[in-house]
Amino acid sequence: MKDTPKHQGLRNQLVTVLKQKGITSKSVLEAISKIPRHLFLNSSFEDYAYQDKAFPIGAGQTISQPYTVAFQTELLEVKKGDKVLEIGTGSGYQTAVLCTVGAVVYSIERQNELFKKTSLLLPKLGIRAKHLSFGDGYKGLPNYAPFDSIIVTAGAPEIPKALMSQLKIGGKLVIPVGENVQIMTLIIRIDETQFEKHEFGDFKFVPLLEDKN
């Protein structure tokens, strides 16, 4: 669990790359510069941890590329104390970024192996998510709703209605939508029945699976 000046130097380089790609949120860039991404990866990937790339993390899942993590987080415009639901805990890296920018994070993971691993890792790194759970992300966490924001870190063929219903009025849902290539989509809840939709180009994610634990 070592984090060295060399790692910090690589993180600083990564932040420069993200700025060049258009990430402007100060709190997001600060979070990326602080979080030891190499500790969320298998040690064989350690030398590549600060490249702007996705890597496998087991159970057929990946740790998203830092640009994607930063882009999704920036779209949420998290304010300190915002209640955020994350669908797909995965390695816990996105969870760590959300916690670092001040969110109160509720996260759900459907791969038991990843859920167990990440539940142990986050506290070791001093990352305190409010609630980590094992289950079907498609259903969200109705018992803890409503949320200021919901972030989905897997590609969904369509936007799950359950997630839309768990947003506060004014709340934001960021979700990659599509089968093979996904369109990053931002949904803003206007009132009880109305939602506003914005699209932000193509991204590539592992699929969000329903009822398949």
N, C-alpha and C. Protein backbone atom coordinates (compact mmCIF):
# COMPACT_ATOMS: atom_id res chain seq x y z
N MET A 1 0.84 -1.22 0.00
CA MET A 1 0.00 0.00 0.00
C MET A 1 0.87 1.26 0.00
N LYS A 2 1.88 1.27 -0.86
CA LYS A 2 2.80 2.41 -0.88
C LYS A 2 2.34 3.47 -1.88
N ASP A 3 2.47 4.72 -1.47
CA ASP A 3 2.21 5.83 -2.38
C ASP A 3 3.41 6.76 -2.28
N THR A 4 4.18 6.85 -3.35
CA THR A 4 5.48 7.53 -3.30
C THR A 4 5.46 8.87 -4.05
N PRO A 5 6.52 9.68 -3.87
CA PRO A 5 6.62 10.93 -4.66
C PRO A 5 6.57 10.66 -6.17
N LYS A 6 7.11 9.50 -6.58
CA LYS A 6 7.07 9.14 -8.01
C LYS A 6 5.60 9.02 -8.46
N HIS A 7 4.79 8.35 -7.64
CA HIS A 7 3.36 8.22 -7.97
C HIS A 7 2.70 9.59 -8.05
N GLN A 8 3.08 10.47 -7.11
CA GLN A 8 2.49 11.82 -7.11
C GLN A 8 2.86 12.57 -8.39
N GLY A 9 4.09 12.40 -8.82
CA GLY A 9 4.54 13.03 -10.07
C GLY A 9 3.73 12.54 -11.26
N LEU A 10 3.46 11.23 -11.28
CA LEU A 10 2.66 10.66 -12.37
C LEU A 10 1.22 11.17 -12.32
N ARG A 11 0.71 11.35 -11.11
CA ARG A 11 -0.66 11.89 -10.97
C ARG A 11 -0.72 13.33 -11.49
N ASN A 12 0.32 14.09 -11.18
CA ASN A 12 0.36 15.48 -11.65
C ASN A 12 0.35 15.52 -13.19
N GLN A 13 1.09 14.57 -13.80
CA GLN A 13 1.10 14.49 -15.27
C GLN A 13 -0.29 14.13 -15.80
N LEU A 14 -0.95 13.22 -15.10
CA LEU A 14 -2.30 12.81 -15.51
C LEU A 14 -3.27 14.00 -15.45
N VAL A 15 -3.15 14.80 -14.40
CA VAL A 15 -4.00 15.99 -14.26
C VAL A 15 -3.79 16.94 -15.45
N THR A 16 -2.52 17.09 -15.86
CA THR A 16 -2.21 17.94 -17.02
C THR A 16 -2.91 17.40 -18.28
N VAL A 17 -2.87 16.08 -18.47
CA VAL A 17 -3.53 15.44 -19.62
C VAL A 17 -5.04 15.72 -19.58
N LEU A 18 -5.64 15.58 -18.40
CA LEU A 18 -7.09 15.78 -18.27
C LEU A 18 -7.47 17.24 -18.56
N LYS A 19 -6.63 18.16 -18.11
CA LYS A 19 -6.88 19.58 -18.41
C LYS A 19 -6.84 19.80 -19.92
N GLN A 20 -5.84 19.19 -20.58
CA GLN A 20 -5.71 19.33 -22.03
C GLN A 20 -6.94 18.77 -22.75
N LYS A 21 -7.56 17.75 -22.15
CA LYS A 21 -8.74 17.13 -22.76
C LYS A 21 -10.04 17.87 -22.41
N GLY A 22 -9.91 18.94 -21.61
CA GLY A 22 -11.08 19.79 -21.38
C GLY A 22 -11.73 19.71 -20.01
N ILE A 23 -11.13 18.96 -19.08
CA ILE A 23 -11.68 18.92 -17.71
C ILE A 23 -11.28 20.22 -17.00
N THR A 24 -12.26 20.93 -16.45
CA THR A 24 -11.97 22.22 -15.83
C THR A 24 -12.29 22.27 -14.33
N SER A 25 -13.09 21.32 -13.83
CA SER A 25 -13.50 21.38 -12.43
C SER A 25 -12.29 21.23 -11.49
N LYS A 26 -12.09 22.26 -10.69
CA LYS A 26 -10.97 22.27 -9.76
C LYS A 26 -11.03 21.11 -8.77
N SER A 27 -12.24 20.89 -8.21
CA SER A 27 -12.37 19.84 -7.18
C SER A 27 -12.13 18.45 -7.78
N VAL A 28 -12.55 18.25 -9.02
CA VAL A 28 -12.34 16.95 -9.68
C VAL A 28 -10.85 16.74 -9.96
N LEU A 29 -10.19 17.76 -10.48
CA LEU A 29 -8.75 17.65 -10.78
C LEU A 29 -7.95 17.44 -9.50
N GLU A 30 -8.35 18.11 -8.42
CA GLU A 30 -7.67 17.92 -7.13
C GLU A 30 -7.83 16.48 -6.63
N ALA A 31 -9.06 15.95 -6.79
CA ALA A 31 -9.31 14.56 -6.35
C ALA A 31 -8.43 13.59 -7.13
N ILE A 32 -8.34 13.79 -8.44
CA ILE A 32 -7.50 12.91 -9.28
C ILE A 32 -6.03 13.02 -8.86
N SER A 33 -5.62 14.23 -8.48
CA SER A 33 -4.21 14.41 -8.09
C SER A 33 -3.90 13.79 -6.72
N LYS A 34 -4.94 13.58 -5.93
CA LYS A 34 -4.73 13.02 -4.57
C LYS A 34 -4.84 11.50 -4.51
N ILE A 35 -5.72 10.92 -5.32
CA ILE A 35 -6.09 9.50 -5.11
C ILE A 35 -5.09 8.55 -5.77
N PRO A 36 -4.53 7.62 -4.99
CA PRO A 36 -3.53 6.69 -5.52
C PRO A 36 -4.17 5.60 -6.39
N ARG A 37 -4.40 5.93 -7.68
CA ARG A 37 -5.10 4.99 -8.57
C ARG A 37 -4.38 3.64 -8.67
N HIS A 38 -3.05 3.64 -8.51
CA HIS A 38 -2.31 2.38 -8.64
C HIS A 38 -2.73 1.37 -7.57
N LEU A 39 -3.25 1.84 -6.45
CA LEU A 39 -3.67 0.91 -5.38
C LEU A 39 -5.03 0.26 -5.66
N PHE A 40 -5.72 0.77 -6.69
CA PHE A 40 -7.02 0.19 -7.08
C PHE A 40 -6.86 -0.87 -8.17
N LEU A 41 -5.61 -1.05 -8.63
CA LEU A 41 -5.34 -1.97 -9.73
C LEU A 41 -4.51 -3.15 -9.27
N ASN A 42 -4.57 -4.21 -10.03
CA ASN A 42 -3.68 -5.34 -9.83
C ASN A 42 -2.24 -4.82 -9.95
N SER A 43 -1.34 -5.30 -9.08
CA SER A 43 0.02 -4.73 -9.05
C SER A 43 0.75 -4.86 -10.40
N SER A 44 0.32 -5.81 -11.24
CA SER A 44 0.98 -5.95 -12.55
C SER A 44 0.71 -4.75 -13.46
N PHE A 45 -0.31 -3.96 -13.13
CA PHE A 45 -0.62 -2.76 -13.93
C PHE A 45 -0.05 -1.48 -13.30
N GLU A 46 0.67 -1.66 -12.19
CA GLU A 46 1.07 -0.47 -11.42
C GLU A 46 1.80 0.58 -12.27
N ASP A 47 2.68 0.11 -13.14
CA ASP A 47 3.47 1.05 -13.96
C ASP A 47 2.62 1.84 -14.95
N TYR A 48 1.41 1.35 -15.21
CA TYR A 48 0.56 2.02 -16.21
C TYR A 48 -0.61 2.77 -15.57
N ALA A 49 -0.66 2.74 -14.23
CA ALA A 49 -1.86 3.20 -13.51
C ALA A 49 -2.24 4.64 -13.81
N TYR A 50 -1.26 5.47 -14.18
CA TYR A 50 -1.57 6.89 -14.39
C TYR A 50 -1.63 7.27 -15.87
N GLN A 51 -1.71 6.23 -16.72
CA GLN A 51 -2.03 6.51 -18.12
C GLN A 51 -3.53 6.71 -18.19
N ASP A 52 -3.97 7.46 -19.17
CA ASP A 52 -5.41 7.73 -19.30
C ASP A 52 -6.08 6.56 -20.03
N LYS A 53 -6.10 5.40 -19.33
CA LYS A 53 -6.63 4.18 -19.94
C LYS A 53 -7.47 3.40 -18.93
N ALA A 54 -8.39 2.58 -19.48
CA ALA A 54 -9.15 1.64 -18.65
C ALA A 54 -8.33 0.36 -18.51
N PHE A 55 -8.50 -0.35 -17.39
CA PHE A 55 -7.80 -1.63 -17.18
C PHE A 55 -8.75 -2.66 -16.59
N PRO A 56 -8.51 -3.96 -16.86
CA PRO A 56 -9.34 -4.99 -16.23
C PRO A 56 -9.10 -5.07 -14.72
N ILE A 57 -10.18 -5.33 -13.97
CA ILE A 57 -10.05 -5.45 -12.50
C ILE A 57 -10.63 -6.76 -11.99
N GLY A 58 -10.89 -7.71 -12.91
CA GLY A 58 -11.47 -8.99 -12.50
C GLY A 58 -12.98 -8.99 -12.67
N ALA A 59 -13.56 -10.18 -12.65
CA ALA A 59 -15.02 -10.38 -12.78
C ALA A 59 -15.56 -9.75 -14.07
N GLY A 60 -14.69 -9.70 -15.11
CA GLY A 60 -15.11 -9.16 -16.40
C GLY A 60 -15.36 -7.66 -16.39
N GLN A 61 -14.87 -6.96 -15.35
CA GLN A 61 -15.12 -5.53 -15.21
C GLN A 61 -13.83 -4.74 -15.45
N THR A 62 -13.98 -3.43 -15.60
CA THR A 62 -12.80 -2.58 -15.79
C THR A 62 -12.84 -1.39 -14.83
N ILE A 63 -11.65 -0.82 -14.60
CA ILE A 63 -11.58 0.48 -13.93
C ILE A 63 -11.63 1.48 -15.08
N SER A 64 -12.56 2.42 -15.04
CA SER A 64 -12.74 3.36 -16.16
C SER A 64 -11.50 4.21 -16.37
N GLN A 65 -11.35 4.70 -17.59
CA GLN A 65 -10.22 5.60 -17.86
C GLN A 65 -10.42 6.88 -17.05
N PRO A 66 -9.33 7.46 -16.52
CA PRO A 66 -9.45 8.65 -15.68
C PRO A 66 -10.26 9.78 -16.32
N TYR A 67 -10.11 9.96 -17.65
CA TYR A 67 -10.88 11.02 -18.32
C TYR A 67 -12.38 10.79 -18.15
N THR A 68 -12.80 9.54 -18.29
CA THR A 68 -14.23 9.21 -18.16
C THR A 68 -14.72 9.48 -16.74
N VAL A 69 -13.93 9.06 -15.76
CA VAL A 69 -14.26 9.30 -14.35
C VAL A 69 -14.40 10.81 -14.10
N ALA A 70 -13.42 11.56 -14.59
CA ALA A 70 -13.42 13.01 -14.39
C ALA A 70 -14.61 13.65 -15.12
N PHE A 71 -14.88 13.20 -16.34
CA PHE A 71 -15.96 13.77 -17.15
C PHE A 71 -17.31 13.54 -16.48
N GLN A 72 -17.55 12.30 -16.04
CA GLN A 72 -18.84 11.99 -15.39
C GLN A 72 -19.00 12.78 -14.09
N THR A 73 -17.91 12.85 -13.32
CA THR A 73 -17.97 13.55 -12.03
C THR A 73 -18.22 15.05 -12.25
N GLU A 74 -17.55 15.60 -13.25
CA GLU A 74 -17.72 17.03 -13.56
C GLU A 74 -19.17 17.33 -13.96
N LEU A 75 -19.79 16.43 -14.73
CA LEU A 75 -21.19 16.64 -15.13
C LEU A 75 -22.14 16.70 -13.93
N LEU A 76 -21.80 15.96 -12.87
CA LEU A 76 -22.67 15.94 -11.68
C LEU A 76 -22.65 17.27 -10.91
N GLU A 77 -21.54 18.02 -11.06
CA GLU A 77 -21.38 19.29 -10.31
C GLU A 77 -21.69 19.08 -8.82
N VAL A 78 -20.97 18.15 -8.22
CA VAL A 78 -21.21 17.78 -6.81
C VAL A 78 -20.89 18.95 -5.88
N LYS A 79 -21.81 19.21 -4.99
CA LYS A 79 -21.55 20.18 -3.91
C LYS A 79 -21.29 19.39 -2.64
N LYS A 80 -20.53 19.96 -1.73
CA LYS A 80 -20.18 19.25 -0.49
C LYS A 80 -21.46 18.81 0.23
N GLY A 81 -21.50 17.54 0.60
CA GLY A 81 -22.67 17.04 1.32
C GLY A 81 -23.77 16.48 0.43
N ASP A 82 -23.60 16.59 -0.91
CA ASP A 82 -24.60 16.01 -1.83
C ASP A 82 -24.66 14.50 -1.63
N LYS A 83 -25.89 14.00 -1.69
CA LYS A 83 -26.13 12.56 -1.54
C LYS A 83 -26.08 11.95 -2.95
N VAL A 84 -25.07 11.12 -3.19
CA VAL A 84 -24.86 10.58 -4.53
C VAL A 84 -24.95 9.06 -4.53
N LEU A 85 -25.74 8.54 -5.47
CA LEU A 85 -25.85 7.09 -5.65
C LEU A 85 -24.96 6.70 -6.82
N GLU A 86 -24.07 5.74 -6.58
CA GLU A 86 -23.19 5.24 -7.64
C GLU A 86 -23.62 3.81 -7.99
N ILE A 87 -23.90 3.59 -9.27
CA ILE A 87 -24.27 2.25 -9.74
C ILE A 87 -23.03 1.62 -10.36
N GLY A 88 -22.48 0.60 -9.70
CA GLY A 88 -21.27 -0.06 -10.18
C GLY A 88 -20.05 0.42 -9.42
N THR A 89 -19.87 -0.09 -8.19
CA THR A 89 -18.72 0.32 -7.36
C THR A 89 -17.41 -0.06 -8.04
N GLY A 90 -17.39 -1.25 -8.63
CA GLY A 90 -16.18 -1.72 -9.32
C GLY A 90 -14.98 -1.72 -8.41
N SER A 91 -13.88 -1.10 -8.88
CA SER A 91 -12.63 -1.06 -8.10
C SER A 91 -12.74 -0.12 -6.92
N GLY A 92 -13.74 0.80 -6.96
CA GLY A 92 -13.85 1.80 -5.90
C GLY A 92 -13.18 3.13 -6.24
N TYR A 93 -12.55 3.20 -7.42
CA TYR A 93 -11.84 4.44 -7.78
C TYR A 93 -12.80 5.62 -7.97
N GLN A 94 -13.88 5.38 -8.71
CA GLN A 94 -14.89 6.44 -8.88
C GLN A 94 -15.50 6.83 -7.53
N THR A 95 -15.73 5.83 -6.68
CA THR A 95 -16.25 6.07 -5.33
C THR A 95 -15.33 7.02 -4.57
N ALA A 96 -14.02 6.74 -4.68
CA ALA A 96 -13.01 7.56 -3.99
C ALA A 96 -13.03 9.01 -4.51
N VAL A 97 -13.18 9.16 -5.83
CA VAL A 97 -13.23 10.51 -6.41
C VAL A 97 -14.46 11.25 -5.88
N LEU A 98 -15.60 10.58 -5.86
CA LEU A 98 -16.84 11.22 -5.36
C LEU A 98 -16.70 11.63 -3.90
N CYS A 99 -16.16 10.73 -3.08
CA CYS A 99 -15.97 11.05 -1.65
C CYS A 99 -15.02 12.24 -1.49
N THR A 100 -13.96 12.28 -2.31
CA THR A 100 -12.95 13.33 -2.21
C THR A 100 -13.50 14.69 -2.62
N VAL A 101 -14.47 14.71 -3.56
CA VAL A 101 -15.05 16.01 -3.94
C VAL A 101 -16.17 16.42 -2.98
N GLY A 102 -16.41 15.60 -1.94
CA GLY A 102 -17.33 16.02 -0.89
C GLY A 102 -18.70 15.36 -0.89
N ALA A 103 -18.89 14.35 -1.77
CA ALA A 103 -20.20 13.68 -1.82
C ALA A 103 -20.36 12.69 -0.66
N VAL A 104 -21.61 12.49 -0.28
CA VAL A 104 -21.96 11.42 0.65
C VAL A 104 -22.41 10.27 -0.26
N VAL A 105 -21.58 9.22 -0.34
CA VAL A 105 -21.75 8.23 -1.41
C VAL A 105 -22.43 6.94 -0.94
N TYR A 106 -23.46 6.57 -1.70
CA TYR A 106 -24.13 5.28 -1.58
C TYR A 106 -23.79 4.53 -2.86
N SER A 107 -23.19 3.34 -2.73
CA SER A 107 -22.74 2.66 -3.94
C SER A 107 -23.21 1.22 -3.95
N ILE A 108 -23.49 0.71 -5.15
CA ILE A 108 -24.01 -0.64 -5.29
C ILE A 108 -23.22 -1.40 -6.35
N GLU A 109 -22.85 -2.65 -6.05
CA GLU A 109 -22.05 -3.48 -6.96
C GLU A 109 -22.68 -4.86 -7.07
N ARG A 110 -22.78 -5.38 -8.32
CA ARG A 110 -23.45 -6.67 -8.48
C ARG A 110 -22.49 -7.86 -8.56
N GLN A 111 -21.17 -7.58 -8.61
CA GLN A 111 -20.18 -8.68 -8.61
C GLN A 111 -19.68 -8.88 -7.19
N ASN A 112 -20.03 -10.01 -6.60
CA ASN A 112 -19.71 -10.24 -5.18
C ASN A 112 -18.21 -10.15 -4.90
N GLU A 113 -17.41 -10.71 -5.81
CA GLU A 113 -15.95 -10.71 -5.65
C GLU A 113 -15.43 -9.26 -5.55
N LEU A 114 -15.91 -8.39 -6.43
CA LEU A 114 -15.49 -6.99 -6.42
C LEU A 114 -16.03 -6.27 -5.19
N PHE A 115 -17.28 -6.56 -4.87
CA PHE A 115 -17.90 -5.92 -3.70
C PHE A 115 -17.07 -6.18 -2.44
N LYS A 116 -16.68 -7.45 -2.24
CA LYS A 116 -15.90 -7.81 -1.04
C LYS A 116 -14.54 -7.12 -1.03
N LYS A 117 -13.88 -7.17 -2.19
CA LYS A 117 -12.53 -6.60 -2.31
C LYS A 117 -12.55 -5.08 -2.04
N THR A 118 -13.48 -4.40 -2.68
CA THR A 118 -13.55 -2.94 -2.57
C THR A 118 -14.01 -2.49 -1.18
N SER A 119 -14.90 -3.27 -0.57
CA SER A 119 -15.37 -2.96 0.80
C SER A 119 -14.20 -2.96 1.79
N LEU A 120 -13.21 -3.80 1.53
CA LEU A 120 -12.02 -3.86 2.40
C LEU A 120 -11.02 -2.77 2.04
N LEU A 121 -10.88 -2.51 0.72
CA LEU A 121 -9.86 -1.56 0.26
C LEU A 121 -10.15 -0.11 0.66
N LEU A 122 -11.37 0.35 0.43
CA LEU A 122 -11.68 1.78 0.64
C LEU A 122 -11.34 2.27 2.06
N PRO A 123 -11.77 1.56 3.12
CA PRO A 123 -11.42 2.03 4.47
C PRO A 123 -9.90 2.09 4.71
N LYS A 124 -9.17 1.13 4.10
CA LYS A 124 -7.70 1.13 4.25
C LYS A 124 -7.09 2.40 3.69
N LEU A 125 -7.75 2.95 2.67
CA LEU A 125 -7.24 4.17 2.03
C LEU A 125 -7.83 5.44 2.65
N GLY A 126 -8.63 5.24 3.71
CA GLY A 126 -9.24 6.38 4.38
C GLY A 126 -10.43 6.95 3.61
N ILE A 127 -11.00 6.15 2.70
CA ILE A 127 -12.17 6.60 1.93
C ILE A 127 -13.41 6.05 2.61
N ARG A 128 -14.28 6.95 3.06
CA ARG A 128 -15.46 6.53 3.80
C ARG A 128 -16.73 6.76 3.00
N ALA A 129 -17.16 5.73 2.29
CA ALA A 129 -18.46 5.82 1.62
C ALA A 129 -19.52 5.65 2.70
N LYS A 130 -20.66 6.27 2.52
CA LYS A 130 -21.74 6.18 3.52
C LYS A 130 -22.33 4.77 3.54
N HIS A 131 -22.47 4.17 2.34
CA HIS A 131 -23.13 2.87 2.27
C HIS A 131 -22.66 2.11 1.02
N LEU A 132 -22.08 0.93 1.23
CA LEU A 132 -21.70 0.07 0.10
C LEU A 132 -22.63 -1.13 0.13
N SER A 133 -23.21 -1.47 -1.02
CA SER A 133 -24.10 -2.63 -0.99
C SER A 133 -23.89 -3.53 -2.20
N PHE A 134 -24.28 -4.79 -2.01
CA PHE A 134 -24.17 -5.81 -3.05
C PHE A 134 -25.57 -6.03 -3.60
N GLY A 135 -25.76 -5.83 -4.91
CA GLY A 135 -27.10 -6.03 -5.46
C GLY A 135 -27.24 -5.54 -6.88
N ASP A 136 -28.47 -5.44 -7.34
CA ASP A 136 -28.81 -5.09 -8.71
C ASP A 136 -28.93 -3.58 -8.87
N GLY A 137 -27.94 -2.99 -9.56
CA GLY A 137 -27.91 -1.54 -9.74
C GLY A 137 -29.10 -0.98 -10.50
N TYR A 138 -29.71 -1.82 -11.34
CA TYR A 138 -30.87 -1.38 -12.11
C TYR A 138 -31.99 -0.86 -11.21
N LYS A 139 -32.08 -1.45 -10.02
CA LYS A 139 -33.16 -1.09 -9.09
C LYS A 139 -32.81 0.12 -8.22
N GLY A 140 -31.53 0.49 -8.22
CA GLY A 140 -31.09 1.60 -7.36
C GLY A 140 -31.18 1.20 -5.90
N LEU A 141 -31.35 2.21 -5.03
CA LEU A 141 -31.49 1.97 -3.59
C LEU A 141 -32.70 2.76 -3.10
N PRO A 142 -33.92 2.28 -3.40
CA PRO A 142 -35.13 3.04 -3.06
C PRO A 142 -35.23 3.41 -1.58
N ASN A 143 -34.69 2.56 -0.70
CA ASN A 143 -34.79 2.83 0.74
C ASN A 143 -34.00 4.07 1.17
N TYR A 144 -33.01 4.46 0.33
CA TYR A 144 -32.17 5.61 0.68
C TYR A 144 -32.49 6.84 -0.18
N ALA A 145 -33.40 6.68 -1.14
CA ALA A 145 -33.75 7.78 -2.05
C ALA A 145 -34.53 8.85 -1.27
N PRO A 146 -34.63 10.10 -1.79
CA PRO A 146 -34.09 10.54 -3.08
C PRO A 146 -32.63 10.98 -2.98
N PHE A 147 -31.98 11.04 -4.17
CA PHE A 147 -30.56 11.42 -4.26
C PHE A 147 -30.40 12.74 -5.02
N ASP A 148 -29.36 13.50 -4.63
CA ASP A 148 -29.02 14.72 -5.38
C ASP A 148 -28.51 14.36 -6.77
N SER A 149 -27.76 13.24 -6.84
CA SER A 149 -27.20 12.80 -8.12
C SER A 149 -27.10 11.29 -8.14
N ILE A 150 -27.15 10.75 -9.35
CA ILE A 150 -26.92 9.32 -9.56
C ILE A 150 -25.92 9.19 -10.70
N ILE A 151 -24.90 8.37 -10.50
CA ILE A 151 -23.90 8.14 -11.54
C ILE A 151 -23.88 6.65 -11.86
N VAL A 152 -23.95 6.33 -13.14
CA VAL A 152 -23.93 4.93 -13.58
C VAL A 152 -22.62 4.69 -14.33
N THR A 153 -21.86 3.67 -13.91
CA THR A 153 -20.54 3.45 -14.49
C THR A 153 -20.51 2.21 -15.38
N ALA A 154 -21.66 1.88 -15.97
CA ALA A 154 -21.74 0.79 -16.95
C ALA A 154 -22.74 1.21 -18.02
N GLY A 155 -22.55 0.69 -19.23
CA GLY A 155 -23.42 1.07 -20.34
C GLY A 155 -24.80 0.44 -20.21
N ALA A 156 -25.84 1.25 -20.32
CA ALA A 156 -27.21 0.75 -20.19
C ALA A 156 -27.92 0.85 -21.55
N PRO A 157 -28.67 -0.21 -21.95
CA PRO A 157 -29.38 -0.13 -23.22
C PRO A 157 -30.44 0.98 -23.20
N GLU A 158 -30.98 1.24 -22.01
CA GLU A 158 -31.94 2.34 -21.85
C GLU A 158 -31.80 2.89 -20.43
N ILE A 159 -32.46 4.00 -20.16
CA ILE A 159 -32.33 4.62 -18.83
C ILE A 159 -33.32 3.95 -17.87
N PRO A 160 -32.83 3.28 -16.82
CA PRO A 160 -33.75 2.60 -15.89
C PRO A 160 -34.70 3.58 -15.21
N LYS A 161 -36.00 3.30 -15.32
CA LYS A 161 -37.04 4.17 -14.73
C LYS A 161 -36.85 4.27 -13.21
N ALA A 162 -36.44 3.16 -12.58
CA ALA A 162 -36.26 3.15 -11.12
C ALA A 162 -35.26 4.22 -10.70
N LEU A 163 -34.22 4.41 -11.50
CA LEU A 163 -33.19 5.40 -11.14
C LEU A 163 -33.73 6.82 -11.30
N MET A 164 -34.49 7.04 -12.37
CA MET A 164 -35.06 8.37 -12.58
C MET A 164 -35.98 8.75 -11.42
N SER A 165 -36.73 7.76 -10.94
CA SER A 165 -37.68 8.04 -9.85
C SER A 165 -36.99 8.30 -8.52
N GLN A 166 -35.70 7.92 -8.41
CA GLN A 166 -34.98 8.11 -7.15
C GLN A 166 -34.19 9.43 -7.09
N LEU A 167 -34.38 10.26 -8.13
CA LEU A 167 -33.71 11.58 -8.16
C LEU A 167 -34.56 12.61 -7.44
N LYS A 168 -33.89 13.52 -6.73
CA LYS A 168 -34.59 14.69 -6.17
C LYS A 168 -35.01 15.60 -7.32
N ILE A 169 -35.96 16.48 -7.08
CA ILE A 169 -36.27 17.53 -8.06
C ILE A 169 -35.00 18.37 -8.20
N GLY A 170 -34.58 18.61 -9.44
CA GLY A 170 -33.32 19.33 -9.66
C GLY A 170 -32.12 18.41 -9.67
N GLY A 171 -32.34 17.13 -9.36
CA GLY A 171 -31.25 16.16 -9.31
C GLY A 171 -30.76 15.75 -10.69
N LYS A 172 -29.53 15.20 -10.75
CA LYS A 172 -28.92 14.83 -12.03
C LYS A 172 -28.57 13.35 -12.06
N LEU A 173 -28.83 12.75 -13.21
CA LEU A 173 -28.43 11.36 -13.46
C LEU A 173 -27.47 11.38 -14.63
N VAL A 174 -26.26 10.81 -14.44
CA VAL A 174 -25.29 10.71 -15.53
C VAL A 174 -25.13 9.24 -15.86
N ILE A 175 -25.44 8.89 -17.11
CA ILE A 175 -25.48 7.48 -17.50
C ILE A 175 -25.06 7.30 -18.96
N PRO A 176 -24.18 6.32 -19.23
CA PRO A 176 -23.84 6.02 -20.62
C PRO A 176 -24.94 5.12 -21.21
N VAL A 177 -25.57 5.57 -22.31
CA VAL A 177 -26.71 4.83 -22.86
C VAL A 177 -26.39 4.31 -24.26
N GLY A 178 -26.63 2.99 -24.46
CA GLY A 178 -26.41 2.40 -25.78
C GLY A 178 -25.90 0.98 -25.65
N GLU A 179 -25.94 0.24 -26.77
CA GLU A 179 -25.55 -1.17 -26.74
C GLU A 179 -24.04 -1.35 -26.91
N ASN A 180 -23.50 -1.05 -28.10
CA ASN A 180 -22.07 -1.29 -28.32
C ASN A 180 -21.21 -0.08 -27.96
N VAL A 181 -21.65 1.06 -28.44
CA VAL A 181 -21.01 2.32 -28.03
C VAL A 181 -22.08 3.08 -27.26
N GLN A 182 -21.65 3.78 -26.22
CA GLN A 182 -22.64 4.49 -25.40
C GLN A 182 -22.53 6.00 -25.58
N ILE A 183 -23.67 6.66 -25.51
CA ILE A 183 -23.70 8.12 -25.51
C ILE A 183 -23.80 8.56 -24.05
N MET A 184 -22.84 9.38 -23.61
CA MET A 184 -22.91 9.88 -22.24
C MET A 184 -24.11 10.81 -22.14
N THR A 185 -25.01 10.49 -21.22
CA THR A 185 -26.29 11.20 -21.14
C THR A 185 -26.48 11.79 -19.75
N LEU A 186 -26.93 13.04 -19.72
CA LEU A 186 -27.24 13.72 -18.46
C LEU A 186 -28.75 13.97 -18.42
N ILE A 187 -29.38 13.46 -17.38
CA ILE A 187 -30.82 13.67 -17.18
C ILE A 187 -30.99 14.58 -15.96
N ILE A 188 -31.76 15.64 -16.10
CA ILE A 188 -32.03 16.54 -14.96
C ILE A 188 -33.53 16.45 -14.65
N ARG A 189 -33.84 16.20 -13.41
CA ARG A 189 -35.25 16.11 -13.03
C ARG A 189 -35.82 17.51 -12.81
N ILE A 190 -36.80 17.90 -13.61
CA ILE A 190 -37.37 19.24 -13.54
C ILE A 190 -38.47 19.30 -12.47
N ASP A 191 -39.35 18.30 -12.48
CA ASP A 191 -40.41 18.21 -11.46
C ASP A 191 -40.83 16.75 -11.34
N GLU A 192 -41.99 16.50 -10.74
CA GLU A 192 -42.42 15.11 -10.52
C GLU A 192 -42.43 14.27 -11.80
N THR A 193 -42.83 14.88 -12.91
CA THR A 193 -43.02 14.09 -14.14
C THR A 193 -42.08 14.46 -15.28
N GLN A 194 -41.41 15.62 -15.18
CA GLN A 194 -40.61 16.07 -16.32
C GLN A 194 -39.11 15.95 -16.09
N PHE A 195 -38.44 15.52 -17.17
CA PHE A 195 -36.98 15.37 -17.14
C PHE A 195 -36.38 16.03 -18.38
N GLU A 196 -35.21 16.60 -18.20
CA GLU A 196 -34.51 17.24 -19.31
C GLU A 196 -33.32 16.35 -19.67
N LYS A 197 -33.04 16.23 -20.97
CA LYS A 197 -31.98 15.30 -21.40
C LYS A 197 -30.91 16.02 -22.21
N HIS A 198 -29.65 15.75 -21.88
CA HIS A 198 -28.52 16.33 -22.63
C HIS A 198 -27.58 15.18 -23.01
N GLU A 199 -27.00 15.24 -24.22
CA GLU A 199 -26.09 14.17 -24.65
C GLU A 199 -24.68 14.71 -24.92
N PHE A 200 -23.66 13.90 -24.57
CA PHE A 200 -22.27 14.36 -24.64
C PHE A 200 -21.34 13.37 -25.34
N GLY A 201 -21.70 12.92 -26.52
CA GLY A 201 -20.76 12.11 -27.31
C GLY A 201 -20.57 10.68 -26.83
N ASP A 202 -19.72 9.96 -27.58
CA ASP A 202 -19.55 8.50 -27.42
C ASP A 202 -18.52 8.13 -26.36
N PHE A 203 -18.85 7.08 -25.61
CA PHE A 203 -17.92 6.49 -24.64
C PHE A 203 -18.07 4.97 -24.73
N LYS A 204 -17.13 4.25 -24.14
CA LYS A 204 -17.20 2.78 -24.18
C LYS A 204 -17.18 2.24 -22.75
N PHE A 205 -18.19 1.47 -22.38
CA PHE A 205 -18.31 0.90 -21.03
C PHE A 205 -18.64 -0.58 -21.08
N VAL A 206 -18.35 -1.29 -19.98
CA VAL A 206 -18.89 -2.64 -19.85
C VAL A 206 -20.41 -2.50 -19.67
N PRO A 207 -21.20 -3.54 -20.03
CA PRO A 207 -22.66 -3.40 -19.94
C PRO A 207 -23.20 -3.42 -18.52
N LEU A 208 -24.29 -2.67 -18.32
CA LEU A 208 -25.05 -2.72 -17.07
C LEU A 208 -26.06 -3.85 -17.23
N LEU A 209 -25.93 -4.87 -16.41
CA LEU A 209 -26.80 -6.05 -16.56
C LEU A 209 -27.89 -6.02 -15.51
N GLU A 210 -29.10 -6.40 -15.94
CA GLU A 210 -30.24 -6.41 -15.03
C GLU A 210 -30.46 -7.82 -14.51
N ASP A 211 -30.74 -7.94 -13.20
CA ASP A 211 -31.07 -9.24 -12.58
C ASP A 211 -30.04 -10.31 -12.84
N LYS A 212 -28.77 -9.94 -12.93
CA LYS A 212 -27.77 -10.98 -13.18
C LYS A 212 -26.65 -10.88 -12.18
N ASN A 213 -26.91 -11.28 -10.95
CA ASN A 213 -25.84 -11.27 -9.97
C ASN A 213 -25.01 -12.52 -10.08
